[in-house]
Protein backbone atom coordinates (compact mmCIF):
# COMPACT_ATOMS: atom_id res chain seq x y z
CA MET A 1 -82.87 -26.71 77.18
CA SER A 2 -80.08 -24.12 78.13
CA MET A 3 -80.89 -21.77 80.88
CA LEU A 4 -79.31 -18.34 81.26
CA HIS A 5 -77.97 -16.57 84.62
CA GLU A 6 -78.29 -13.00 84.55
CA PRO A 7 -74.86 -11.14 85.02
CA THR A 8 -75.75 -10.50 88.60
CA ALA A 9 -75.28 -13.99 89.22
CA LEU A 10 -71.63 -13.33 89.08
CA ALA A 11 -71.94 -10.62 91.77
CA ASP A 12 -70.95 -13.01 94.40
CA GLN A 13 -67.41 -12.27 95.37
CA GLN A 14 -66.12 -15.91 95.46
CA ALA A 15 -67.86 -16.97 92.33
CA GLY A 16 -66.20 -13.74 90.71
CA ALA A 17 -62.83 -14.43 91.89
CA ARG A 18 -63.11 -18.05 90.51
CA ASP A 19 -64.42 -16.85 87.14
CA ARG A 20 -61.51 -14.18 86.92
CA LYS A 21 -58.98 -17.05 87.51
CA LEU A 22 -60.60 -19.24 84.91
CA ILE A 23 -60.55 -16.70 82.33
CA ALA A 24 -56.89 -15.71 83.07
CA ASP A 25 -55.82 -19.32 82.84
CA ALA A 26 -57.63 -20.00 79.76
CA LEU A 27 -55.96 -16.95 78.08
CA ALA A 28 -52.41 -17.92 79.37
CA PRO A 29 -49.47 -17.28 78.56
CA ALA A 30 -50.88 -13.84 77.98
CA VAL A 31 -51.19 -11.83 81.04
CA LEU A 32 -54.04 -9.29 81.17
CA PRO A 33 -54.45 -6.49 83.63
CA PRO A 34 -56.77 -7.01 86.56
CA THR A 35 -59.18 -4.24 85.16
CA THR A 36 -59.44 -6.12 81.81
CA LEU A 37 -60.12 -9.33 83.60
CA GLU A 38 -62.76 -7.78 85.82
CA GLN A 39 -64.59 -6.21 82.77
CA LEU A 40 -64.73 -9.70 81.12
CA THR A 41 -65.90 -11.21 84.24
CA VAL A 42 -68.70 -8.85 85.09
CA THR A 43 -70.08 -8.89 81.61
CA ALA A 44 -69.87 -12.70 81.22
CA LEU A 45 -73.25 -14.72 81.11
CA VAL A 46 -73.40 -18.28 82.68
CA VAL A 47 -75.42 -20.60 80.69
CA ASP A 48 -76.74 -23.92 82.16
CA LEU A 49 -76.07 -26.98 80.00
CA PRO A 50 -77.99 -29.92 81.34
CA ALA A 51 -76.45 -33.57 80.98
CA GLY A 52 -77.85 -35.07 77.61
CA SER A 53 -78.53 -32.02 75.85
CA THR A 54 -77.09 -31.05 72.50
CA ARG A 55 -76.67 -27.71 70.83
CA ARG A 56 -79.81 -26.05 69.83
CA SER A 57 -79.05 -22.37 69.79
CA GLY A 58 -76.05 -20.84 68.13
CA PRO A 59 -73.01 -19.11 69.61
CA ASP A 60 -74.89 -16.04 69.41
CA TRP A 61 -77.55 -16.78 72.07
CA PRO A 62 -77.93 -14.89 74.37
CA VAL A 63 -75.18 -12.77 72.67
CA ARG A 64 -72.44 -13.34 70.12
CA ALA A 65 -69.71 -14.68 72.48
CA LEU A 66 -66.65 -16.87 73.07
CA TRP A 67 -67.47 -19.88 75.10
CA LEU A 68 -65.45 -21.22 77.95
CA LEU A 69 -66.46 -24.23 79.89
CA ARG A 70 -67.11 -23.13 83.47
CA ASN A 71 -67.82 -26.56 84.89
CA GLY A 72 -68.94 -30.06 83.77
CA GLU A 73 -67.80 -32.14 80.63
CA ILE A 74 -68.89 -31.92 76.93
CA ALA A 75 -67.93 -33.94 73.97
CA LEU A 76 -67.18 -32.22 70.64
CA GLY A 77 -67.36 -33.91 67.47
CA GLY A 78 -69.39 -34.31 64.39
CA LYS A 79 -72.09 -36.40 62.57
CA ASP A 80 -71.08 -39.78 61.09
CA ARG A 81 -72.51 -41.15 57.82
CA ARG A 82 -75.57 -42.32 59.65
CA GLY A 83 -76.27 -38.97 61.03
CA GLU A 84 -75.15 -40.02 64.54
CA PHE A 85 -72.79 -38.08 66.99
CA SER A 86 -69.28 -39.15 66.64
CA GLU A 87 -66.97 -37.84 69.47
CA MET A 88 -63.70 -36.26 68.51
CA ARG A 89 -62.41 -34.89 71.81
CA ARG A 90 -63.55 -33.89 75.34
CA VAL A 91 -63.67 -30.39 76.96
CA LEU A 92 -63.16 -29.96 80.59
CA PRO A 93 -63.51 -26.92 82.84
CA GLY A 94 -61.18 -24.06 81.96
CA GLU A 95 -60.96 -25.14 78.31
CA TRP A 96 -62.49 -23.24 75.31
CA LEU A 97 -65.82 -24.65 74.05
CA ASP A 98 -65.96 -22.40 70.82
CA VAL A 99 -63.86 -19.34 69.94
CA PHE A 100 -64.69 -19.32 66.07
CA GLY A 101 -68.48 -19.68 65.82
CA ALA A 102 -69.58 -16.24 66.87
CA LEU A 103 -66.82 -14.57 64.50
CA GLY A 104 -68.56 -15.70 61.34
CA ALA A 105 -71.03 -13.81 59.15
CA GLU A 106 -73.53 -16.38 60.17
CA PRO A 107 -72.85 -17.57 63.56
CA THR A 108 -72.74 -21.27 63.91
CA TRP A 109 -70.92 -23.75 66.25
CA PHE A 110 -67.74 -25.06 64.93
CA HIS A 111 -68.42 -28.65 66.37
CA GLU A 112 -71.50 -30.71 67.31
CA MET A 113 -71.50 -31.01 70.83
CA GLN A 114 -73.09 -33.29 73.49
CA VAL A 115 -73.31 -32.47 77.28
CA LEU A 116 -71.92 -35.63 79.30
CA ARG A 117 -72.94 -34.18 82.74
CA ASP A 118 -74.75 -31.08 84.06
CA SER A 119 -72.30 -28.23 82.90
CA GLU A 120 -72.12 -24.44 82.75
CA ALA A 121 -70.49 -22.31 80.22
CA LEU A 122 -69.10 -18.68 80.43
CA ALA A 123 -70.28 -16.67 77.45
CA LEU A 124 -67.73 -13.77 77.00
CA PRO A 125 -69.66 -11.23 75.05
CA LEU A 126 -68.00 -10.60 71.58
CA SER A 127 -68.76 -6.88 72.03
CA THR A 128 -66.78 -6.70 75.26
CA VAL A 129 -63.93 -8.58 73.83
CA MET A 130 -63.78 -6.24 70.81
CA GLN A 131 -63.91 -3.01 73.04
CA LEU A 132 -61.14 -4.32 75.22
CA ILE A 133 -59.12 -5.20 72.03
CA CYS A 134 -59.38 -1.53 70.81
CA ALA A 135 -58.65 -0.05 74.14
CA ASP A 136 -55.83 -2.48 75.40
CA PRO A 137 -53.05 -3.69 73.31
CA GLU A 138 -52.44 -6.48 75.76
CA ALA A 139 -55.92 -7.63 75.39
CA GLY A 140 -55.54 -7.68 71.67
CA LEU A 141 -52.36 -9.68 71.83
CA ALA A 142 -54.15 -12.07 74.18
CA PHE A 143 -57.02 -12.96 72.01
CA GLY A 144 -55.04 -12.89 68.87
CA GLN A 145 -52.88 -15.62 70.47
CA LEU A 146 -55.90 -17.49 71.50
CA VAL A 147 -57.42 -17.69 68.01
CA SER A 148 -53.96 -18.53 66.68
CA THR A 149 -53.49 -21.41 69.02
CA GLN A 150 -56.94 -22.76 68.62
CA ALA A 151 -56.64 -22.74 64.89
CA SER A 152 -52.89 -24.34 65.10
CA GLN A 153 -54.50 -26.96 67.26
CA LEU A 154 -57.30 -27.96 64.58
CA ARG A 155 -54.50 -27.87 61.77
CA ASP A 156 -51.88 -30.05 63.70
CA GLY A 157 -54.88 -32.41 64.77
CA GLN A 158 -55.98 -32.86 61.23
CA SER A 159 -52.37 -33.32 59.96
CA THR A 160 -51.42 -35.80 62.75
CA LEU A 161 -54.50 -37.84 61.78
CA ARG A 162 -53.56 -37.84 58.01
CA ASN A 163 -50.03 -38.55 58.39
CA ARG A 164 -49.36 -40.71 61.43
CA SER A 165 -49.51 -44.56 61.61
CA PHE A 166 -52.54 -46.19 63.23
CA ALA A 167 -50.29 -47.54 66.01
CA GLY A 168 -48.88 -44.14 66.55
CA ARG A 169 -52.38 -42.47 66.80
CA LEU A 170 -53.72 -45.26 69.12
CA ALA A 171 -50.71 -44.83 71.53
CA SER A 172 -50.92 -41.11 71.71
CA ARG A 173 -54.69 -41.51 72.36
CA LEU A 174 -54.18 -43.65 75.13
CA LEU A 175 -51.46 -41.51 76.53
CA ASP A 176 -53.66 -38.31 76.34
CA GLU A 177 -56.40 -40.20 77.93
CA THR A 178 -54.41 -41.45 80.83
CA SER A 179 -51.93 -38.51 81.02
CA GLY A 180 -49.12 -41.30 80.69
CA CYS A 181 -46.53 -38.75 79.75
CA VAL A 182 -46.38 -37.24 83.10
CA ASP A 183 -44.98 -40.34 85.09
CA MET A 184 -43.24 -43.33 83.32
CA GLN A 185 -43.69 -45.26 86.51
CA ALA A 186 -47.38 -44.78 87.04
CA ARG A 187 -49.95 -47.04 86.05
CA ARG A 188 -52.99 -45.02 84.75
CA ILE A 189 -56.43 -46.17 84.12
CA TRP A 190 -59.02 -44.84 81.38
CA THR A 191 -62.62 -45.57 81.93
CA MET A 192 -63.85 -45.51 78.51
CA GLY A 193 -67.02 -43.32 78.19
CA ILE A 194 -66.95 -43.88 74.51
CA ARG A 195 -68.10 -46.59 72.10
CA LYS A 196 -65.44 -48.64 70.54
CA GLN A 197 -67.12 -47.86 67.15
CA HIS A 198 -66.72 -44.00 67.83
CA LEU A 199 -63.06 -44.34 69.07
CA ALA A 200 -62.23 -46.07 65.84
CA GLN A 201 -63.98 -43.23 63.75
CA GLN A 202 -61.84 -40.84 65.66
CA LEU A 203 -58.69 -42.78 64.87
CA ASP A 204 -59.88 -42.94 61.17
CA VAL A 205 -59.73 -46.93 61.09
CA SER A 206 -62.44 -49.83 61.12
CA SER A 207 -63.64 -51.27 64.41
CA GLU A 208 -61.83 -54.47 63.51
CA THR A 209 -58.55 -52.68 63.24
CA LEU A 210 -58.89 -51.08 66.53
CA SER A 211 -59.64 -54.31 68.20
CA ARG A 212 -56.60 -55.73 66.66
CA GLY A 213 -54.36 -52.95 67.86
CA LEU A 214 -55.77 -53.06 71.35
CA ARG A 215 -55.13 -56.85 71.31
CA ALA A 216 -51.61 -56.36 70.30
CA LEU A 217 -50.96 -54.17 73.04
CA CYS A 218 -52.54 -56.41 75.59
CA GLU A 219 -50.55 -59.49 74.26
CA ALA A 220 -47.54 -57.38 74.77
CA GLY A 221 -48.19 -56.51 78.33
CA VAL A 222 -48.46 -52.79 77.44
CA ILE A 223 -52.00 -52.44 78.52
CA GLU A 224 -54.88 -54.52 80.10
CA VAL A 225 -58.51 -54.04 79.29
CA ARG A 226 -61.25 -55.16 81.81
CA GLY A 227 -64.62 -54.25 80.88
CA TYR A 228 -64.72 -50.57 80.19
CA ASP A 229 -61.49 -49.87 82.15
CA LEU A 230 -58.15 -49.61 80.21
CA GLU A 231 -55.01 -49.62 82.43
CA VAL A 232 -51.81 -48.71 81.05
CA MET A 233 -49.17 -51.09 82.40
CA ASP A 234 -46.02 -50.03 80.46
CA THR A 235 -46.10 -46.24 79.83
CA ARG A 236 -42.55 -46.14 78.50
CA THR A 237 -43.25 -48.68 75.84
CA LEU A 238 -46.48 -46.93 74.88
CA VAL A 239 -44.56 -43.75 74.39
CA ASP A 240 -42.05 -45.40 72.22
CA ILE A 241 -45.09 -46.74 70.04
CA ALA A 242 -46.40 -43.29 69.90
CA ARG A 243 -42.99 -41.98 68.49
CA SER A 244 -41.97 -44.86 66.19
CA GLY A 245 -45.80 -45.64 65.01
CA CYS A 246 -44.95 -49.47 65.36
CA LEU A 247 -46.79 -52.01 67.43
CA PRO A 248 -44.96 -54.53 69.47
CA GLY A 249 -43.21 -56.98 67.23
CA GLY A 250 -42.46 -54.16 64.63
CA GLN A 251 -46.03 -54.26 63.19
CA LEU A 252 -46.59 -50.86 61.22
CA PHE A 253 -49.81 -49.60 59.79
CA ALA A 254 -48.81 -47.15 56.93
CA PRO A 255 -50.68 -43.71 57.03
CA ASN A 256 -53.97 -44.05 55.20
CA ALA A 257 -53.43 -47.61 54.13
CA GLU A 258 -55.92 -49.33 56.38
CA ARG A 259 -58.67 -46.81 55.76
CA ARG A 260 -58.34 -47.06 52.02
CA LEU A 261 -59.19 -50.72 51.91
CA PRO A 262 -61.91 -51.28 49.31
CA SER A 263 -65.25 -52.88 50.44
CA ARG A 264 -66.36 -56.28 49.03
CA ARG A 265 -68.98 -54.59 46.95
CA SER A 266 -66.45 -52.13 45.38
CA GLN A 267 -64.02 -55.16 44.69
CA ALA A 268 -66.91 -57.00 43.12
CA LEU A 269 -67.70 -53.90 40.88
CA ARG A 270 -64.24 -53.49 39.83
CA SER A 271 -63.93 -57.27 38.72
CA MET A 272 -67.14 -56.75 36.85
CA ALA A 273 -65.94 -53.84 35.19
CA LYS A 274 -62.80 -55.67 34.13
CA ARG A 275 -64.66 -58.64 32.52
CA ILE A 276 -66.98 -56.25 30.62
CA ASN A 277 -63.76 -54.33 29.18
CA THR A 278 -61.99 -57.48 28.22
């Protein structure tokens, strides 16, 4: 169950300074005046989110708020066909947990969520945000840019998922998880805290296709997989795959092709329909 810290919990000077910086960084590149940051900080509420918990209350508890992760780690996603949680991405400290949910006529979280380890979230009351927007044009610009950026990320993420080949999506995901674009020479390791089935769902392919893709990368010496640890051995090649959409050897999965393969049952039904029609 989520627990609430009263605003006085932020009275500690060091905690207040950390939270001001957290909020300022989360709203970058916009720069808010110190007085505006101070008002956001002193009115913010801290909500404890124990590991293993899922969302129970809405983004309007304890007040309508914009939610920023203060510490910990949370997975965002949705429910699959069996009603099980399927992870889409991770939220780390300093990243926004939800900026849309409290804005609706009926507040609701934009994503399902699971708390991966004990976490705290900062709830920035929407009433405070709106007051600051009305009083300070810079605050209005900052929060307008925030909503625009978050919406663009959702749009671009959906567009990428629909239009890129599987090989490109897989390579980009591995680069994201290992920060492989930062240093071409560095070997980077991803300890996968996600089931292969869920990763396949996020990439919009079957588990078998994901296994074939990982095996192709291993055979080409691009990655090595040891248990739950995936190590990138050749970052430059992985970047090339992300750009070209081709696995080593030129193997290409066309957008949407693999995920549209008919099941054996549907194939049988089509064959039966053809026989009946003829």
